[in-house]
Amino acid sequence: MTTDSPPAAAEAPAAEPEPRSGKAICSRPQVLAGIAAVSREHLDFRQPLSEDLRLVEDLGLDSMRAFTLAAEVENHFKIMLSEEDEDQLVTVGDLVQVVIARLESVAGEVEESS
């Protein structure tokens, strides 16, 4: 006896859970490029960024511009910076290091909850 039901579809493999940050852990050059993009878009900073540039003296960040940079870096990388993180930032390289640490922390939290 024949049936008119369609053949069973092959089951798709389960998708890997995506990290909560929505981004994989980035390399230093990738993080620096992200910070440069944020600086261009939100602070109109047009010079090339390097890790040795000082945030206040070289980039001319006052408290409002520093707050803008911190908030937009958080948005860009889907992380949260703490006051302690922000207090230790002197150079662009310091910011790169803190972003990488936060990305690793978020990735670790996702792995623990899996």
C-alpha atoms as a PDB file:
ATOM      1  CA  MET A   1       0.000   0.000   0.000  1.00  0.00           C
ATOM      2  CA  THR A   2       1.402   3.403  -0.942  1.00  0.00           C
ATOM      3  CA  THR A   3       1.094   6.609   1.016  1.00  0.00           C
ATOM      4  CA  ASP A   4       1.156  10.130  -0.237  1.00  0.00           C
ATOM      5  CA  SER A   5       3.341  11.434   2.576  1.00  0.00           C
ATOM      6  CA  PRO A   6       6.599  13.129   1.565  1.00  0.00           C
ATOM      7  CA  PRO A   7       9.897  11.416   2.322  1.00  0.00           C
ATOM      8  CA  ALA A   8      11.387  12.237   5.690  1.00  0.00           C
ATOM      9  CA  ALA A   9      13.728  15.206   5.510  1.00  0.00           C
ATOM     10  CA  ALA A  10      17.261  14.754   6.742  1.00  0.00           C
ATOM     11  CA  GLU A  11      17.690  16.345  10.122  1.00  0.00           C
ATOM     12  CA  ALA A  12      19.986  19.373  10.097  1.00  0.00           C
ATOM     13  CA  PRO A  13      22.881  19.281  12.539  1.00  0.00           C
ATOM     14  CA  ALA A  14      22.381  21.331  15.675  1.00  0.00           C
ATOM     15  CA  ALA A  15      23.868  24.791  15.424  1.00  0.00           C
ATOM     16  CA  GLU A  16      26.732  25.694  17.727  1.00  0.00           C
ATOM     17  CA  PRO A  17      25.612  28.147  20.409  1.00  0.00           C
ATOM     18  CA  GLU A  18      26.779  31.640  19.587  1.00  0.00           C
ATOM     19  CA  PRO A  19      28.737  33.493  22.251  1.00  0.00           C
ATOM     20  CA  ARG A  20      26.667  36.060  24.122  1.00  0.00           C
ATOM     21  CA  SER A  21      28.927  38.786  22.782  1.00  0.00           C
ATOM     22  CA  GLY A  22      27.953  37.894  19.213  1.00  0.00           C
ATOM     23  CA  LYS A  23      31.636  38.019  18.257  1.00  0.00           C
ATOM     24  CA  ALA A  24      34.465  35.568  18.507  1.00  0.00           C
ATOM     25  CA  ILE A  25      37.447  36.509  20.611  1.00  0.00           C
ATOM     26  CA  CYS A  26      39.432  38.995  18.557  1.00  0.00           C
ATOM     27  CA  SER A  27      43.143  39.417  17.994  1.00  0.00           C
ATOM     28  CA  ARG A  28      44.960  42.588  19.055  1.00  0.00           C
ATOM     29  CA  PRO A  29      44.944  43.968  15.472  1.00  0.00           C
ATOM     30  CA  GLN A  30      41.196  43.273  15.166  1.00  0.00           C
ATOM     31  CA  VAL A  31      40.459  45.012  18.462  1.00  0.00           C
ATOM     32  CA  LEU A  32      42.672  47.961  17.480  1.00  0.00           C
ATOM     33  CA  ALA A  33      40.824  48.209  14.158  1.00  0.00           C
ATOM     34  CA  GLY A  34      37.476  48.178  16.006  1.00  0.00           C
ATOM     35  CA  ILE A  35      38.616  50.929  18.355  1.00  0.00           C
ATOM     36  CA  ALA A  36      39.863  52.932  15.355  1.00  0.00           C
ATOM     37  CA  ALA A  37      36.469  52.541  13.659  1.00  0.00           C
ATOM     38  CA  VAL A  38      34.669  53.711  16.808  1.00  0.00           C
ATOM     39  CA  SER A  39      37.076  56.662  17.115  1.00  0.00           C
ATOM     40  CA  ARG A  40      36.457  57.704  13.512  1.00  0.00           C
ATOM     41  CA  GLU A  41      32.699  57.363  13.693  1.00  0.00           C
ATOM     42  CA  HIS A  42      31.987  58.854  17.114  1.00  0.00           C
ATOM     43  CA  LEU A  43      34.963  61.132  17.832  1.00  0.00           C
ATOM     44  CA  ASP A  44      35.923  62.241  14.301  1.00  0.00           C
ATOM     45  CA  PHE A  45      39.466  61.024  14.950  1.00  0.00           C
ATOM     46  CA  ARG A  46      41.086  60.645  11.523  1.00  0.00           C
ATOM     47  CA  GLN A  47      44.715  59.798  12.359  1.00  0.00           C
ATOM     48  CA  PRO A  48      45.941  56.203  12.371  1.00  0.00           C
ATOM     49  CA  LEU A  49      45.742  54.671  15.837  1.00  0.00           C
ATOM     50  CA  SER A  50      48.626  52.813  17.405  1.00  0.00           C
ATOM     51  CA  GLU A  51      48.753  51.129  20.775  1.00  0.00           C
ATOM     52  CA  ASP A  52      51.333  53.560  22.174  1.00  0.00           C
ATOM     53  CA  LEU A  53      49.116  56.635  21.736  1.00  0.00           C
ATOM     54  CA  ARG A  54      47.980  58.130  25.038  1.00  0.00           C
ATOM     55  CA  LEU A  55      44.241  58.683  25.326  1.00  0.00           C
ATOM     56  CA  VAL A  56      44.371  62.121  26.946  1.00  0.00           C
ATOM     57  CA  GLU A  57      47.632  63.640  25.772  1.00  0.00           C
ATOM     58  CA  ASP A  58      47.799  62.270  22.203  1.00  0.00           C
ATOM     59  CA  LEU A  59      44.131  61.798  21.327  1.00  0.00           C
ATOM     60  CA  GLY A  60      42.985  64.838  23.288  1.00  0.00           C
ATOM     61  CA  LEU A  61      40.189  63.028  25.116  1.00  0.00           C
ATOM     62  CA  ASP A  62      38.465  65.082  27.776  1.00  0.00           C
ATOM     63  CA  SER A  63      36.091  63.380  30.203  1.00  0.00           C
ATOM     64  CA  MET A  64      33.096  63.548  27.849  1.00  0.00           C
ATOM     65  CA  ARG A  65      35.015  62.204  24.850  1.00  0.00           C
ATOM     66  CA  ALA A  66      36.547  59.467  27.038  1.00  0.00           C
ATOM     67  CA  PHE A  67      33.055  58.490  28.194  1.00  0.00           C
ATOM     68  CA  THR A  68      31.872  58.429  24.566  1.00  0.00           C
ATOM     69  CA  LEU A  69      34.796  56.237  23.547  1.00  0.00           C
ATOM     70  CA  ALA A  70      34.179  53.815  26.440  1.00  0.00           C
ATOM     71  CA  ALA A  71      30.432  53.572  25.749  1.00  0.00           C
ATOM     72  CA  GLU A  72      30.868  53.075  22.016  1.00  0.00           C
ATOM     73  CA  VAL A  73      33.634  50.489  22.492  1.00  0.00           C
ATOM     74  CA  GLU A  74      31.241  48.612  24.794  1.00  0.00           C
ATOM     75  CA  ASN A  75      28.540  48.764  22.121  1.00  0.00           C
ATOM     76  CA  HIS A  76      30.894  47.752  19.312  1.00  0.00           C
ATOM     77  CA  PHE A  77      32.327  44.720  21.094  1.00  0.00           C
ATOM     78  CA  LYS A  78      29.183  43.859  23.134  1.00  0.00           C
ATOM     79  CA  ILE A  79      31.079  44.016  26.437  1.00  0.00           C
ATOM     80  CA  MET A  80      30.846  45.928  29.713  1.00  0.00           C
ATOM     81  CA  LEU A  81      33.791  47.907  31.044  1.00  0.00           C
ATOM     82  CA  SER A  82      34.046  48.405  34.789  1.00  0.00           C
ATOM     83  CA  GLU A  83      35.158  51.561  36.564  1.00  0.00           C
ATOM     84  CA  GLU A  84      38.358  49.717  37.468  1.00  0.00           C
ATOM     85  CA  ASP A  85      38.936  48.993  33.766  1.00  0.00           C
ATOM     86  CA  GLU A  86      38.422  52.620  32.855  1.00  0.00           C
ATOM     87  CA  ASP A  87      40.683  53.856  35.682  1.00  0.00           C
ATOM     88  CA  GLN A  88      43.656  51.882  34.361  1.00  0.00           C
ATOM     89  CA  LEU A  89      43.402  53.154  30.778  1.00  0.00           C
ATOM     90  CA  VAL A  90      46.275  55.413  29.772  1.00  0.00           C
ATOM     91  CA  THR A  91      47.060  54.304  26.215  1.00  0.00           C
ATOM     92  CA  VAL A  92      45.177  52.815  23.296  1.00  0.00           C
ATOM     93  CA  GLY A  93      47.098  49.597  24.028  1.00  0.00           C
ATOM     94  CA  ASP A  94      45.644  49.534  27.542  1.00  0.00           C
ATOM     95  CA  LEU A  95      42.169  49.763  26.025  1.00  0.00           C
ATOM     96  CA  VAL A  96      42.974  46.968  23.552  1.00  0.00           C
ATOM     97  CA  GLN A  97      44.112  44.737  26.439  1.00  0.00           C
ATOM     98  CA  VAL A  98      40.998  45.447  28.519  1.00  0.00           C
ATOM     99  CA  VAL A  99      38.690  44.729  25.552  1.00  0.00           C
ATOM    100  CA  ILE A 100      40.441  41.408  24.908  1.00  0.00           C
ATOM    101  CA  ALA A 101      40.156  40.492  28.604  1.00  0.00           C
ATOM    102  CA  ARG A 102      36.416  41.313  28.604  1.00  0.00           C
ATOM    103  CA  LEU A 103      35.859  39.302  25.398  1.00  0.00           C
ATOM    104  CA  GLU A 104      37.656  36.321  26.944  1.00  0.00           C
ATOM    105  CA  SER A 105      35.597  36.712  30.116  1.00  0.00           C
ATOM    106  CA  VAL A 106      32.340  36.714  28.158  1.00  0.00           C
ATOM    107  CA  ALA A 107      33.459  33.684  26.150  1.00  0.00           C
ATOM    108  CA  GLY A 108      34.344  31.869  29.387  1.00  0.00           C
ATOM    109  CA  GLU A 109      30.911  32.639  30.839  1.00  0.00           C
ATOM    110  CA  VAL A 110      29.234  31.217  27.740  1.00  0.00           C
ATOM    111  CA  GLU A 111      31.305  28.023  27.927  1.00  0.00           C
ATOM    112  CA  GLU A 112      30.472  27.569  31.621  1.00  0.00           C
ATOM    113  CA  SER A 113      26.757  27.939  30.991  1.00  0.00           C
ATOM    114  CA  SER A 114      26.786  25.390  28.143  1.00  0.00           C
END
